């Protein structure tokens, strides 16, 4: 069929527009990617400590909830080393696309910058806080058989033995710069005692050596020690929080039973999700909202509280303020205690 001049002009104009649109699409492949809904593939949660510790336990508690909420697997990836700095640095340098998250701690984001002379990342500038997952007290535990053999029934007994045997007791921790390490250093500083510090790559392997009798004392996060305390392998001398833990109501605080030297002693821990800086706010907010909802369900709440953890789910802004305040607090603790990375 013969086209009239007007029809021919319309036809050619339409062809030109189609060609221009195709060229623009080919020249800007990111346009199609930007429209891909998140998440369209598995999301990794990096745990900067070995399996078996509280950081790992909490990550594995929330990962299935996030998987159900978003329809994609949330996979826990343990990357231990340097008091959590190895795993945290990996996330700090990851693409800010919502597919790599960090289960950060008071160590990685509150203590390490004051403790380490050189940091591979900036805990404030290199991360986008998502939400505080949970806060937990630490607990001063001993191998039960060793405690009986040494005649240690409480904190004051421990201080007496430690002073009688300077450098003869071994103190385990989940790594240099962790709250577990700093709680022990603060205890040593306030009581004038000295224990040899043995840093591990997480609470899991440290607890194994505690149960095996290779270590004497540890100021562990309560959830990772709870099973061994209940099983009688470890004895809880005191919790390090300002108040007693509902999970161990008969165990006193360090301040309660430590005498004048330990007045004001407090060293608790917290754990929260963070993303690389630059992660789109809409992704950060979606994760926070779903996680906050999950943390308030009866099943998750009861599970965490039974282990001594207090679930949170606060906003990114609230979590950012907590991190900022913890920097100031722990910098002073590090300075006062004289703690160093060894």
Protein backbone atom coordinates (compact mmCIF):
# COMPACT_ATOMS: atom_id res chain seq x y z
CA UNK A 1 0.00 0.00 0.00
CA UNK A 2 1.33 3.41 -1.04
CA UNK A 3 1.87 5.79 1.95
CA UNK A 4 0.88 9.42 1.70
CA UNK A 5 3.62 12.01 2.53
CA UNK A 6 2.00 12.73 5.91
CA UNK A 7 1.78 9.05 6.88
CA UNK A 8 5.35 8.49 5.69
CA UNK A 9 6.63 11.36 7.89
CA UNK A 10 4.80 9.97 10.94
CA UNK A 11 6.19 6.49 10.25
CA UNK A 12 9.79 7.74 9.92
CA UNK A 13 9.47 9.86 13.08
CA UNK A 14 8.24 6.83 15.06
CA UNK A 15 11.17 4.75 13.77
CA UNK A 16 13.62 7.46 14.81
CA UNK A 17 12.14 7.62 18.33
CA UNK A 18 12.35 3.85 18.68
CA UNK A 19 15.97 3.82 17.54
CA UNK A 20 16.86 6.64 19.96
CA UNK A 21 15.22 4.81 22.85
CA UNK A 22 17.09 1.61 21.99
CA UNK A 23 20.40 3.47 21.77
CA UNK A 24 19.80 5.18 25.10
CA UNK A 25 19.04 1.83 26.73
CA UNK A 26 22.22 0.32 25.30
CA UNK A 27 24.28 3.31 26.42
CA UNK A 28 22.96 3.17 29.99
CA UNK A 29 22.85 -0.47 31.11
CA UNK A 30 22.61 0.69 34.74
CA UNK A 31 19.08 1.91 34.05
CA UNK A 32 17.75 -1.63 33.84
CA UNK A 33 19.75 -2.67 36.91
CA UNK A 34 18.44 0.28 38.91
CA UNK A 35 14.91 -0.99 38.30
CA UNK A 36 15.68 -4.50 39.59
CA UNK A 37 13.83 -4.92 42.88
CA UNK A 38 15.86 -5.59 46.03
CA UNK A 39 16.55 -8.29 47.01
CA UNK A 40 16.79 -10.30 43.81
CA UNK A 41 19.55 -12.64 45.09
CA UNK A 42 20.88 -13.96 48.44
CA UNK A 43 22.05 -11.45 51.07
CA UNK A 44 25.18 -12.12 53.13
CA UNK A 45 25.41 -11.30 56.85
CA UNK A 46 29.09 -11.20 57.80
CA UNK A 47 29.81 -12.28 61.38
CA UNK A 48 33.31 -11.03 62.30
CA UNK A 49 33.89 -13.85 64.82
CA UNK A 50 34.05 -17.64 64.81
CA UNK A 51 30.87 -19.76 65.03
CA UNK A 52 29.40 -20.44 68.46
CA UNK A 53 29.70 -16.99 70.06
CA UNK A 54 26.91 -14.55 70.79
CA UNK A 55 27.46 -12.55 67.57
CA UNK A 56 27.06 -15.75 65.58
CA UNK A 57 24.06 -16.96 67.61
CA UNK A 58 22.18 -13.69 67.12
CA UNK A 59 22.94 -13.56 63.40
CA UNK A 60 21.65 -17.11 62.96
CA UNK A 61 18.53 -16.23 64.95
CA UNK A 62 17.57 -13.28 62.72
CA UNK A 63 18.73 -14.61 59.33
CA UNK A 64 15.75 -17.00 58.87
CA UNK A 65 13.34 -14.22 59.85
CA UNK A 66 14.77 -11.90 57.20
CA UNK A 67 14.73 -14.73 54.65
CA UNK A 68 11.02 -15.25 55.26
CA UNK A 69 10.30 -11.53 55.11
CA UNK A 70 12.12 -10.85 51.83
CA UNK A 71 11.87 -14.18 50.00
CA UNK A 72 15.65 -14.52 49.52
CA UNK A 73 18.23 -16.42 51.60
CA UNK A 74 20.11 -14.37 54.22
CA UNK A 75 23.35 -16.33 54.64
CA UNK A 76 25.64 -16.06 57.67
CA UNK A 77 29.32 -15.81 56.72
CA UNK A 78 31.87 -16.07 59.57
CA UNK A 79 35.03 -14.00 58.93
CA UNK A 80 36.99 -13.90 62.19
CA UNK A 81 40.18 -12.07 63.08
CA UNK A 82 41.70 -8.97 64.71
CA UNK A 83 38.94 -8.48 67.28
CA UNK A 84 36.29 -8.35 64.55
CA UNK A 85 38.20 -5.94 62.32
CA UNK A 86 38.73 -8.46 59.49
CA UNK A 87 35.04 -9.09 58.90
CA UNK A 88 34.03 -5.49 59.55
CA UNK A 89 36.59 -4.21 57.05
CA UNK A 90 35.25 -6.63 54.43
CA UNK A 91 31.78 -5.12 54.78
CA UNK A 92 33.10 -1.54 54.89
CA UNK A 93 34.66 -2.11 51.47
CA UNK A 94 31.72 -4.04 49.97
CA UNK A 95 29.37 -2.60 47.35
CA UNK A 96 26.63 -0.49 49.00
CA UNK A 97 23.85 -2.42 47.29
CA UNK A 98 22.13 -4.11 50.24
CA UNK A 99 23.60 -7.55 49.57
CA UNK A 100 26.33 -7.44 52.24
CA UNK A 101 25.55 -6.69 55.89
CA UNK A 102 27.55 -6.85 59.10
CA UNK A 103 26.54 -8.12 62.51
CA UNK A 104 28.57 -5.47 64.31
CA UNK A 105 29.34 -5.36 68.00
CA UNK A 106 30.38 -2.98 70.75
CA UNK A 107 33.89 -4.18 69.91
CA UNK A 108 33.92 -3.42 66.19
CA UNK A 109 31.97 -0.16 66.53
CA UNK A 110 32.55 1.05 70.07
CA UNK A 111 35.92 -0.15 71.34
CA UNK A 112 38.40 -0.97 68.58
CA UNK A 113 39.07 2.56 67.37
CA UNK A 114 40.32 3.47 70.86
CA UNK A 115 42.27 0.23 71.28
CA UNK A 116 44.02 -0.23 67.93
CA UNK A 117 46.72 2.19 66.78
CA UNK A 118 45.66 1.67 63.16
CA UNK A 119 42.19 0.78 61.93
CA UNK A 120 41.49 -0.48 58.38
CA UNK A 121 38.10 1.25 58.39
CA UNK A 122 36.24 4.11 60.05
CA UNK A 123 33.41 2.65 62.18
CA UNK A 124 31.35 5.83 61.76
CA UNK A 125 31.98 7.04 58.19
CA UNK A 126 32.20 3.65 56.47
CA UNK A 127 28.88 2.22 57.67
CA UNK A 128 25.16 2.87 57.54
CA UNK A 129 23.60 1.71 60.85
CA UNK A 130 20.49 -0.42 60.30
CA UNK A 131 19.29 -1.43 63.76
CA UNK A 132 20.39 -2.62 67.18
CA UNK A 133 19.51 -6.32 67.35
CA UNK A 134 20.09 -6.97 71.05
CA UNK A 135 21.94 -5.89 74.18
CA UNK A 136 23.40 -8.45 76.58
CA UNK A 137 25.31 -8.44 79.87
CA UNK A 138 28.66 -10.16 80.14
CA UNK A 139 29.11 -12.85 82.76
CA UNK A 140 32.25 -13.68 84.75
CA UNK A 141 32.63 -17.44 84.42
CA UNK A 142 35.15 -20.02 85.60
CA UNK A 143 35.71 -23.65 84.81
CA UNK A 144 33.59 -25.27 87.55
CA UNK A 145 36.16 -27.89 88.57
CA UNK A 146 38.96 -25.33 88.74
CA UNK A 147 36.83 -22.99 90.83
CA UNK A 148 36.15 -25.78 93.34
CA UNK A 149 39.82 -26.81 93.43
CA UNK A 150 40.89 -23.22 94.14
CA UNK A 151 38.17 -22.61 96.70
CA UNK A 152 36.57 -19.86 94.63
CA UNK A 153 32.85 -19.39 95.29
CA UNK A 154 32.44 -15.69 94.54
CA UNK A 155 34.15 -12.58 93.15
CA UNK A 156 35.99 -11.74 96.35
CA UNK A 157 37.40 -15.27 96.52
CA UNK A 158 38.61 -14.84 92.95
CA UNK A 159 40.31 -11.52 93.71
CA UNK A 160 42.06 -13.07 96.71
CA UNK A 161 43.38 -16.02 94.68
CA UNK A 162 44.40 -13.79 91.76
CA UNK A 163 46.40 -11.55 94.10
CA UNK A 164 48.05 -14.57 95.69
CA UNK A 165 48.98 -15.93 92.24
CA UNK A 166 49.81 -12.96 90.00
CA UNK A 167 50.17 -14.05 86.39
CA UNK A 168 49.23 -17.65 87.21
CA UNK A 169 45.58 -17.41 86.10
CA UNK A 170 44.65 -17.36 82.41
CA UNK A 171 41.91 -15.08 81.06
CA UNK A 172 40.24 -16.06 77.78
CA UNK A 173 38.46 -13.66 75.46
CA UNK A 174 36.77 -13.71 72.07
CA UNK A 175 39.52 -11.50 70.66
CA UNK A 176 41.53 -8.35 71.26
CA UNK A 177 39.34 -5.31 71.70
CA UNK A 178 36.08 -7.13 72.28
CA UNK A 179 33.83 -6.23 75.19
CA UNK A 180 34.85 -9.57 76.71
CA UNK A 181 38.50 -8.51 76.64
CA UNK A 182 37.78 -4.99 77.91
CA UNK A 183 35.56 -6.24 80.75
CA UNK A 184 38.47 -8.36 81.95
CA UNK A 185 40.95 -5.51 81.59
CA UNK A 186 38.68 -3.18 83.53
CA UNK A 187 38.33 -5.82 86.28
CA UNK A 188 42.10 -6.21 86.47
CA UNK A 189 42.60 -2.45 86.63
CA UNK A 190 40.04 -1.89 89.37
CA UNK A 191 41.15 -4.83 91.55
CA UNK A 192 44.91 -4.57 91.03
CA UNK A 193 45.07 -8.17 89.81
CA UNK A 194 46.90 -9.64 86.84
CA UNK A 195 45.78 -12.52 84.63
CA UNK A 196 47.44 -13.51 81.36
CA UNK A 197 45.14 -12.65 78.45
CA UNK A 198 44.56 -15.27 75.72
CA UNK A 199 42.55 -13.84 72.78
CA UNK A 200 40.63 -16.33 70.60
CA UNK A 201 38.88 -15.86 67.26
CA UNK A 202 35.46 -15.84 68.92
CA UNK A 203 33.64 -16.95 72.04
CA UNK A 204 32.96 -20.43 70.64
CA UNK A 205 36.56 -21.71 70.68
CA UNK A 206 37.31 -19.81 73.90
CA UNK A 207 34.40 -21.49 75.68
CA UNK A 208 35.59 -24.89 74.45
CA UNK A 209 38.95 -24.30 76.14
CA UNK A 210 37.21 -23.01 79.27
CA UNK A 211 35.14 -26.18 79.50
CA UNK A 212 38.24 -28.26 78.75
CA UNK A 213 40.09 -26.69 81.66
CA UNK A 214 42.73 -24.93 79.58
CA UNK A 215 41.50 -21.47 80.64
CA UNK A 216 40.58 -20.21 84.11
CA UNK A 217 38.28 -17.21 83.70
CA UNK A 218 36.33 -15.36 81.04
CA UNK A 219 34.02 -12.33 80.99
CA UNK A 220 31.85 -13.81 78.26
CA UNK A 221 28.66 -12.54 76.64
CA UNK A 222 25.89 -14.31 78.53
CA UNK A 223 24.14 -16.06 75.60
CA UNK A 224 27.24 -17.98 74.48
CA UNK A 225 27.97 -19.20 78.04
CA UNK A 226 24.40 -19.94 79.11
CA UNK A 227 24.31 -23.57 77.99
CA UNK A 228 27.55 -24.45 79.80
CA UNK A 229 26.42 -22.60 82.94
CA UNK A 230 23.16 -24.53 82.98
CA UNK A 231 25.06 -27.76 82.32
CA UNK A 232 27.36 -27.16 85.28
CA UNK A 233 30.57 -27.03 83.23
CA UNK A 234 31.03 -23.32 83.97
CA UNK A 235 30.20 -21.47 87.17
CA UNK A 236 28.87 -17.90 86.95
CA UNK A 237 30.46 -15.70 89.61
CA UNK A 238 28.74 -12.46 88.59
CA UNK A 239 27.22 -10.54 85.69
CA UNK A 240 28.96 -7.36 84.56
CA UNK A 241 25.83 -5.26 83.97
CA UNK A 242 24.46 -2.61 86.32
CA UNK A 243 21.46 -4.82 87.17
CA UNK A 244 21.03 -8.56 87.52
CA UNK A 245 19.99 -10.48 84.41
CA UNK A 246 16.44 -11.94 84.34
CA UNK A 247 17.99 -15.00 82.68
CA UNK A 248 20.20 -15.60 85.77
CA UNK A 249 18.31 -13.87 88.59
CA UNK A 250 20.33 -15.57 91.36
CA UNK A 251 23.69 -14.41 89.98
CA UNK A 252 24.76 -11.04 91.49
CA UNK A 253 26.39 -8.16 89.64
CA UNK A 254 30.14 -7.59 89.98
CA UNK A 255 29.42 -4.34 91.80
CA UNK A 256 27.10 -6.03 94.31
CA UNK A 257 29.68 -8.52 95.56
CA UNK A 258 33.00 -7.00 94.57
CA UNK A 259 33.42 -4.63 97.48
CA UNK A 260 34.61 -0.99 97.33
CA UNK A 261 37.23 -1.68 94.65
CA UNK A 262 34.56 -2.65 92.11
CA UNK A 263 31.99 0.04 92.85
CA UNK A 264 30.58 1.33 89.56
CA UNK A 265 31.84 -1.63 87.52
CA UNK A 266 29.78 -2.10 84.35
CA UNK A 267 30.70 -3.64 81.00
CA UNK A 268 27.80 -4.80 78.85
CA UNK A 269 27.66 -5.67 75.15
CA UNK A 270 25.45 -4.98 72.16
CA UNK A 271 25.03 -6.36 68.64
CA UNK A 272 23.49 -4.74 65.59
CA UNK A 273 23.18 -4.86 61.81
CA UNK A 274 25.10 -2.38 59.66
CA UNK A 275 25.47 -1.89 55.92
CA UNK A 276 28.26 -0.26 53.90
CA UNK A 277 28.02 3.53 53.77
CA UNK A 278 26.02 4.66 50.76
CA UNK A 279 23.51 1.82 50.90
CA UNK A 280 20.17 3.28 49.72
CA UNK A 281 18.10 4.49 52.69
CA UNK A 282 15.02 2.69 51.39
CA UNK A 283 16.85 -0.65 51.69
CA UNK A 284 18.19 0.19 55.15
CA UNK A 285 14.72 1.18 56.32
CA UNK A 286 13.06 -1.94 54.91
CA UNK A 287 15.53 -4.21 56.72
CA UNK A 288 15.09 -2.30 59.98
CA UNK A 289 11.30 -2.41 59.80
CA UNK A 290 11.12 -6.14 59.09
CA UNK A 291 13.71 -6.97 61.73
CA UNK A 292 11.98 -4.80 64.34
CA UNK A 293 8.75 -6.65 63.65
CA UNK A 294 10.45 -10.05 63.91
CA UNK A 295 12.22 -9.18 67.16
CA UNK A 296 8.88 -8.47 68.80
CA UNK A 297 7.30 -11.80 67.87
CA UNK A 298 6.80 -14.09 70.85
CA UNK A 299 9.01 -16.89 69.51
CA UNK A 300 12.09 -14.74 68.82
CA UNK A 301 11.64 -12.56 71.90
CA UNK A 302 11.33 -15.53 74.26
CA UNK A 303 14.26 -17.31 72.64
CA UNK A 304 16.56 -14.30 73.03
CA UNK A 305 15.45 -13.44 76.55
CA UNK A 306 15.99 -17.04 77.68
CA UNK A 307 19.60 -16.67 76.60
CA UNK A 308 20.02 -13.36 78.43
CA UNK A 309 19.68 -11.07 75.39
CA UNK A 310 17.32 -8.08 75.30
CA UNK A 311 15.95 -7.61 71.74
CA UNK A 312 15.73 -4.10 70.31
CA UNK A 313 15.01 -3.23 66.66
CA UNK A 314 15.48 0.54 67.06
CA UNK A 315 15.66 2.98 64.14
CA UNK A 316 18.83 3.62 62.12
CA UNK A 317 19.03 7.11 63.67
CA UNK A 318 18.75 5.76 67.21
CA UNK A 319 21.36 3.10 66.52
CA UNK A 320 23.72 5.74 65.09
CA UNK A 321 23.40 7.79 68.29
CA UNK A 322 24.16 4.70 70.39
CA UNK A 323 27.32 3.99 68.39
CA UNK A 324 28.48 7.57 68.80
CA UNK A 325 27.96 7.50 72.57
CA UNK A 326 29.66 4.13 72.90
CA UNK A 327 32.78 5.50 71.20
CA UNK A 328 33.13 8.11 73.88
CA UNK A 329 32.41 5.72 76.76
CA UNK A 330 34.83 2.98 75.71
CA UNK A 331 37.61 5.39 74.79
CA UNK A 332 37.59 6.46 78.43
CA UNK A 333 37.52 2.83 79.64
CA UNK A 334 40.50 1.96 77.43
CA UNK A 335 42.40 4.98 78.71
CA UNK A 336 41.60 4.27 82.36
CA UNK A 337 42.30 0.54 82.23
CA UNK A 338 45.47 0.85 80.19
CA UNK A 339 44.27 -1.96 77.93
CA UNK A 340 46.39 -2.66 74.86
CA UNK A 341 46.20 -5.08 71.97
CA UNK A 342 48.66 -7.89 72.73
